[in-house]
Amino acid sequence: YEIFDQETTNAVMTAALIYDIKCKDSAAYPSNREKKQTSVKNPLELFKYNSFHGGVWRSPYTMDSLGVTSVIIYFMGGPNLFIPVTVAITGAVTAAVAQLVVM
């Protein structure tokens, strides 16, 4: 799993804290907790309103499936070598299929 750099984590957590303190619509806003205006019954439920995932939840891939692919790319020489080789193979396959279709 990918871990964020410390600077990124510090910036995101600071922004989340400021949002919770300043935004009156926040589930963690202090006066909302006193008035019971939010439906938060457990502090862990705050993550469903104010979480930071870096886009992983919107990705069509799981972290485990990305790991295997990343290792293969790394051992094949990294993206500088892997991408041109992949493009060359794809081009060769496309040319072969085009020749078969023409015949």
N, C-alpha and C. Protein backbone atom coordinates (compact mmCIF):
# COMPACT_ATOMS: atom_id res chain seq x y z
N TYR A 1 0.82 -1.18 0.00
CA TYR A 1 0.00 0.00 0.00
C TYR A 1 0.87 1.24 0.00
N GLU A 2 0.40 2.28 -0.65
CA GLU A 2 1.17 3.51 -0.74
C GLU A 2 0.95 4.34 0.51
N ILE A 3 2.03 4.88 1.02
CA ILE A 3 1.97 5.76 2.19
C ILE A 3 2.31 7.16 1.71
N PHE A 4 1.54 8.14 2.18
CA PHE A 4 1.79 9.52 1.79
C PHE A 4 3.06 10.05 2.44
N ASP A 5 3.68 11.00 1.79
CA ASP A 5 4.82 11.69 2.39
C ASP A 5 4.33 12.47 3.61
N GLN A 6 5.26 12.72 4.53
CA GLN A 6 4.89 13.43 5.76
C GLN A 6 4.36 14.82 5.47
N GLU A 7 4.94 15.51 4.49
CA GLU A 7 4.48 16.86 4.16
C GLU A 7 3.04 16.85 3.66
N THR A 8 2.71 15.85 2.83
CA THR A 8 1.34 15.72 2.31
C THR A 8 0.37 15.44 3.44
N THR A 9 0.74 14.53 4.32
CA THR A 9 -0.13 14.19 5.45
C THR A 9 -0.35 15.39 6.35
N ASN A 10 0.72 16.12 6.64
CA ASN A 10 0.58 17.31 7.49
C ASN A 10 -0.35 18.34 6.87
N ALA A 11 -0.21 18.57 5.57
CA ALA A 11 -1.05 19.57 4.89
C ALA A 11 -2.51 19.14 4.87
N VAL A 12 -2.76 17.86 4.58
CA VAL A 12 -4.14 17.37 4.50
C VAL A 12 -4.80 17.39 5.88
N MET A 13 -4.10 16.94 6.90
CA MET A 13 -4.68 16.92 8.24
C MET A 13 -4.92 18.34 8.77
N THR A 14 -4.03 19.27 8.43
CA THR A 14 -4.26 20.66 8.82
C THR A 14 -5.49 21.22 8.13
N ALA A 15 -5.64 20.93 6.84
CA ALA A 15 -6.83 21.40 6.11
C ALA A 15 -8.10 20.78 6.68
N ALA A 16 -8.05 19.50 7.04
CA ALA A 16 -9.22 18.84 7.63
C ALA A 16 -9.57 19.44 8.98
N LEU A 17 -8.56 19.75 9.78
CA LEU A 17 -8.80 20.36 11.09
C LEU A 17 -9.43 21.74 10.94
N ILE A 18 -8.88 22.55 10.04
CA ILE A 18 -9.44 23.89 9.81
C ILE A 18 -10.87 23.79 9.30
N TYR A 19 -11.14 22.86 8.41
CA TYR A 19 -12.49 22.65 7.90
C TYR A 19 -13.45 22.29 9.04
N ASP A 20 -13.02 21.38 9.90
CA ASP A 20 -13.88 20.96 11.02
C ASP A 20 -14.17 22.10 11.99
N ILE A 21 -13.21 22.99 12.17
CA ILE A 21 -13.38 24.08 13.12
C ILE A 21 -14.17 25.24 12.51
N LYS A 22 -13.92 25.56 11.25
CA LYS A 22 -14.50 26.76 10.63
C LYS A 22 -15.83 26.53 9.90
N CYS A 23 -16.01 25.38 9.28
CA CYS A 23 -17.20 25.16 8.46
C CYS A 23 -18.38 24.71 9.32
N LYS A 24 -19.44 25.48 9.30
CA LYS A 24 -20.60 25.17 10.13
C LYS A 24 -21.37 23.95 9.63
N ASP A 25 -21.11 23.52 8.41
CA ASP A 25 -21.78 22.32 7.87
C ASP A 25 -21.03 21.03 8.21
N SER A 26 -19.85 21.15 8.79
CA SER A 26 -19.04 19.98 9.10
C SER A 26 -19.70 19.13 10.18
N ALA A 27 -19.59 17.83 10.04
CA ALA A 27 -20.14 16.92 11.06
C ALA A 27 -19.40 17.05 12.38
N ALA A 28 -18.14 17.50 12.33
CA ALA A 28 -17.34 17.63 13.55
C ALA A 28 -17.35 19.05 14.12
N TYR A 29 -18.14 19.94 13.54
CA TYR A 29 -18.19 21.32 14.05
C TYR A 29 -18.67 21.29 15.50
N PRO A 30 -17.95 21.97 16.41
CA PRO A 30 -18.26 21.84 17.84
C PRO A 30 -19.71 22.13 18.23
N SER A 31 -20.30 23.19 17.71
CA SER A 31 -21.68 23.50 18.11
C SER A 31 -22.68 22.48 17.56
N ASN A 32 -22.37 21.84 16.43
CA ASN A 32 -23.25 20.79 15.91
C ASN A 32 -23.26 19.58 16.82
N ARG A 33 -22.12 19.30 17.41
CA ARG A 33 -22.05 18.17 18.34
C ARG A 33 -22.87 18.46 19.60
N GLU A 34 -22.82 19.70 20.07
CA GLU A 34 -23.57 20.06 21.28
C GLU A 34 -25.08 20.04 21.02
N LYS A 35 -25.47 20.47 19.83
CA LYS A 35 -26.90 20.55 19.49
C LYS A 35 -27.43 19.23 18.94
N LYS A 36 -26.55 18.26 18.74
CA LYS A 36 -26.94 16.95 18.18
C LYS A 36 -27.57 17.09 16.79
N GLN A 37 -27.03 18.01 15.97
CA GLN A 37 -27.56 18.23 14.62
C GLN A 37 -26.99 17.24 13.61
N THR A 38 -25.99 16.51 13.99
CA THR A 38 -25.42 15.54 13.07
C THR A 38 -25.82 14.13 13.49
N SER A 39 -25.73 13.23 12.57
CA SER A 39 -26.11 11.85 12.85
C SER A 39 -24.90 10.99 13.26
N VAL A 40 -23.86 11.65 13.75
CA VAL A 40 -22.66 10.92 14.15
C VAL A 40 -22.86 10.36 15.55
N LYS A 41 -22.88 9.04 15.61
CA LYS A 41 -23.05 8.37 16.91
C LYS A 41 -21.72 7.91 17.49
N ASN A 42 -20.73 7.75 16.61
CA ASN A 42 -19.41 7.29 17.00
C ASN A 42 -18.39 8.18 16.29
N PRO A 43 -17.30 8.58 16.95
CA PRO A 43 -16.31 9.43 16.29
C PRO A 43 -15.73 8.84 15.01
N LEU A 44 -15.71 7.51 14.89
CA LEU A 44 -15.19 6.90 13.66
C LEU A 44 -16.09 7.16 12.47
N GLU A 45 -17.35 7.53 12.71
CA GLU A 45 -18.26 7.84 11.61
C GLU A 45 -17.88 9.15 10.91
N LEU A 46 -17.02 9.95 11.51
CA LEU A 46 -16.56 11.18 10.86
C LEU A 46 -15.82 10.89 9.56
N PHE A 47 -15.22 9.69 9.46
CA PHE A 47 -14.50 9.34 8.24
C PHE A 47 -15.41 9.24 7.03
N LYS A 48 -16.67 8.96 7.23
CA LYS A 48 -17.56 8.87 6.06
C LYS A 48 -17.93 10.25 5.53
N TYR A 49 -17.72 11.28 6.33
CA TYR A 49 -18.00 12.65 5.90
C TYR A 49 -16.75 13.39 5.46
N ASN A 50 -15.62 13.08 6.07
CA ASN A 50 -14.44 13.92 5.89
C ASN A 50 -13.19 13.04 5.79
N SER A 51 -13.11 12.23 4.76
CA SER A 51 -11.95 11.35 4.63
C SER A 51 -11.10 11.78 3.43
N PHE A 52 -9.85 11.40 3.48
CA PHE A 52 -8.91 11.70 2.39
C PHE A 52 -8.29 10.39 1.94
N HIS A 53 -8.49 10.05 0.69
CA HIS A 53 -8.01 8.77 0.19
C HIS A 53 -7.06 8.91 -0.99
N GLY A 54 -6.83 10.11 -1.46
CA GLY A 54 -5.88 10.29 -2.55
C GLY A 54 -6.35 9.74 -3.89
N GLY A 55 -7.63 9.43 -4.03
CA GLY A 55 -8.17 8.93 -5.29
C GLY A 55 -8.24 7.43 -5.41
N VAL A 56 -7.75 6.70 -4.41
CA VAL A 56 -7.72 5.24 -4.49
C VAL A 56 -9.13 4.67 -4.61
N TRP A 57 -10.09 5.24 -3.92
CA TRP A 57 -11.45 4.70 -3.95
C TRP A 57 -12.14 4.91 -5.29
N ARG A 58 -11.63 5.84 -6.09
CA ARG A 58 -12.21 6.08 -7.42
C ARG A 58 -11.50 5.29 -8.50
N SER A 59 -10.45 4.58 -8.13
CA SER A 59 -9.67 3.81 -9.09
C SER A 59 -10.36 2.48 -9.40
N PRO A 60 -10.32 2.05 -10.63
CA PRO A 60 -10.95 0.77 -10.96
C PRO A 60 -10.11 -0.43 -10.52
N TYR A 61 -8.94 -0.18 -9.95
CA TYR A 61 -8.05 -1.26 -9.54
C TYR A 61 -7.92 -1.29 -8.03
N THR A 62 -7.68 -2.46 -7.48
CA THR A 62 -7.40 -2.57 -6.05
C THR A 62 -5.90 -2.37 -5.84
N MET A 63 -5.53 -2.04 -4.62
CA MET A 63 -4.12 -1.84 -4.33
C MET A 63 -3.31 -3.12 -4.56
N ASP A 64 -3.91 -4.28 -4.29
CA ASP A 64 -3.20 -5.53 -4.49
C ASP A 64 -2.92 -5.79 -5.97
N SER A 65 -3.87 -5.48 -6.83
CA SER A 65 -3.65 -5.72 -8.26
C SER A 65 -2.64 -4.74 -8.84
N LEU A 66 -2.59 -3.53 -8.32
CA LEU A 66 -1.60 -2.56 -8.78
C LEU A 66 -0.19 -2.96 -8.34
N GLY A 67 -0.09 -3.62 -7.19
CA GLY A 67 1.22 -4.00 -6.68
C GLY A 67 1.95 -4.96 -7.60
N VAL A 68 1.25 -5.97 -8.07
CA VAL A 68 1.87 -6.97 -8.96
C VAL A 68 2.31 -6.31 -10.26
N THR A 69 1.46 -5.50 -10.84
CA THR A 69 1.79 -4.81 -12.08
C THR A 69 2.98 -3.87 -11.88
N SER A 70 3.00 -3.16 -10.76
CA SER A 70 4.11 -2.24 -10.48
C SER A 70 5.43 -2.98 -10.34
N VAL A 71 5.41 -4.13 -9.71
CA VAL A 71 6.64 -4.93 -9.55
C VAL A 71 7.12 -5.41 -10.91
N ILE A 72 6.22 -5.87 -11.76
CA ILE A 72 6.61 -6.34 -13.10
C ILE A 72 7.23 -5.20 -13.90
N ILE A 73 6.60 -4.04 -13.86
CA ILE A 73 7.15 -2.88 -14.58
C ILE A 73 8.52 -2.51 -14.03
N TYR A 74 8.68 -2.54 -12.71
CA TYR A 74 9.96 -2.20 -12.10
C TYR A 74 11.06 -3.16 -12.54
N PHE A 75 10.79 -4.45 -12.52
CA PHE A 75 11.81 -5.42 -12.88
C PHE A 75 12.06 -5.48 -14.39
N MET A 76 11.17 -4.93 -15.18
CA MET A 76 11.40 -4.86 -16.63
C MET A 76 12.15 -3.59 -17.02
N GLY A 77 12.61 -2.83 -16.04
CA GLY A 77 13.41 -1.65 -16.34
C GLY A 77 12.71 -0.34 -16.05
N GLY A 78 11.59 -0.37 -15.41
CA GLY A 78 10.88 0.85 -15.08
C GLY A 78 10.05 1.35 -16.24
N PRO A 79 9.32 2.44 -16.02
CA PRO A 79 8.42 2.94 -17.08
C PRO A 79 9.15 3.44 -18.31
N ASN A 80 10.42 3.89 -18.17
CA ASN A 80 11.14 4.38 -19.34
C ASN A 80 11.41 3.27 -20.34
N LEU A 81 11.54 2.04 -19.88
CA LEU A 81 11.74 0.92 -20.79
C LEU A 81 10.44 0.19 -21.07
N PHE A 82 9.59 0.05 -20.07
CA PHE A 82 8.36 -0.74 -20.19
C PHE A 82 7.38 -0.13 -21.18
N ILE A 83 7.18 1.17 -21.13
CA ILE A 83 6.17 1.82 -21.99
C ILE A 83 6.56 1.72 -23.47
N PRO A 84 7.81 2.04 -23.88
CA PRO A 84 8.15 1.88 -25.31
C PRO A 84 8.03 0.43 -25.79
N VAL A 85 8.42 -0.52 -24.94
CA VAL A 85 8.31 -1.93 -25.33
C VAL A 85 6.85 -2.31 -25.52
N THR A 86 6.00 -1.86 -24.59
CA THR A 86 4.57 -2.16 -24.69
C THR A 86 3.97 -1.53 -25.94
N VAL A 87 4.35 -0.30 -26.25
CA VAL A 87 3.84 0.36 -27.46
C VAL A 87 4.31 -0.37 -28.71
N ALA A 88 5.57 -0.82 -28.72
CA ALA A 88 6.10 -1.55 -29.88
C ALA A 88 5.37 -2.87 -30.08
N ILE A 89 5.14 -3.59 -29.00
CA ILE A 89 4.41 -4.87 -29.10
C ILE A 89 2.99 -4.64 -29.57
N THR A 90 2.34 -3.63 -29.01
CA THR A 90 0.97 -3.32 -29.42
C THR A 90 0.91 -2.94 -30.90
N GLY A 91 1.89 -2.15 -31.36
CA GLY A 91 1.94 -1.77 -32.77
C GLY A 91 2.15 -2.97 -33.68
N ALA A 92 3.02 -3.90 -33.26
CA ALA A 92 3.27 -5.10 -34.06
C ALA A 92 2.03 -5.98 -34.14
N VAL A 93 1.34 -6.14 -33.01
CA VAL A 93 0.11 -6.95 -33.01
C VAL A 93 -0.96 -6.29 -33.87
N THR A 94 -1.08 -4.99 -33.79
CA THR A 94 -2.08 -4.26 -34.59
C THR A 94 -1.78 -4.41 -36.08
N ALA A 95 -0.50 -4.30 -36.45
CA ALA A 95 -0.12 -4.46 -37.86
C ALA A 95 -0.41 -5.87 -38.34
N ALA A 96 -0.13 -6.86 -37.51
CA ALA A 96 -0.39 -8.26 -37.91
C ALA A 96 -1.88 -8.52 -38.09
N VAL A 97 -2.67 -7.96 -37.19
CA VAL A 97 -4.15 -8.14 -37.31
C VAL A 97 -4.66 -7.40 -38.54
N ALA A 98 -4.11 -6.23 -38.83
CA ALA A 98 -4.55 -5.47 -40.01
C ALA A 98 -4.22 -6.24 -41.29
N GLN A 99 -3.07 -6.91 -41.34
CA GLN A 99 -2.72 -7.69 -42.51
C GLN A 99 -3.64 -8.90 -42.67
N LEU A 100 -4.03 -9.51 -41.56
CA LEU A 100 -4.93 -10.64 -41.63
C LEU A 100 -6.32 -10.22 -42.12
N VAL A 101 -6.75 -9.04 -41.71
CA VAL A 101 -8.07 -8.57 -42.10
C VAL A 101 -8.07 -8.21 -43.59
N VAL A 102 -6.98 -7.67 -44.11
CA VAL A 102 -6.90 -7.29 -45.51
C VAL A 102 -6.90 -8.52 -46.41
N MET A 103 -6.30 -9.61 -45.96
CA MET A 103 -6.23 -10.82 -46.77
C MET A 103 -7.56 -11.42 -46.83
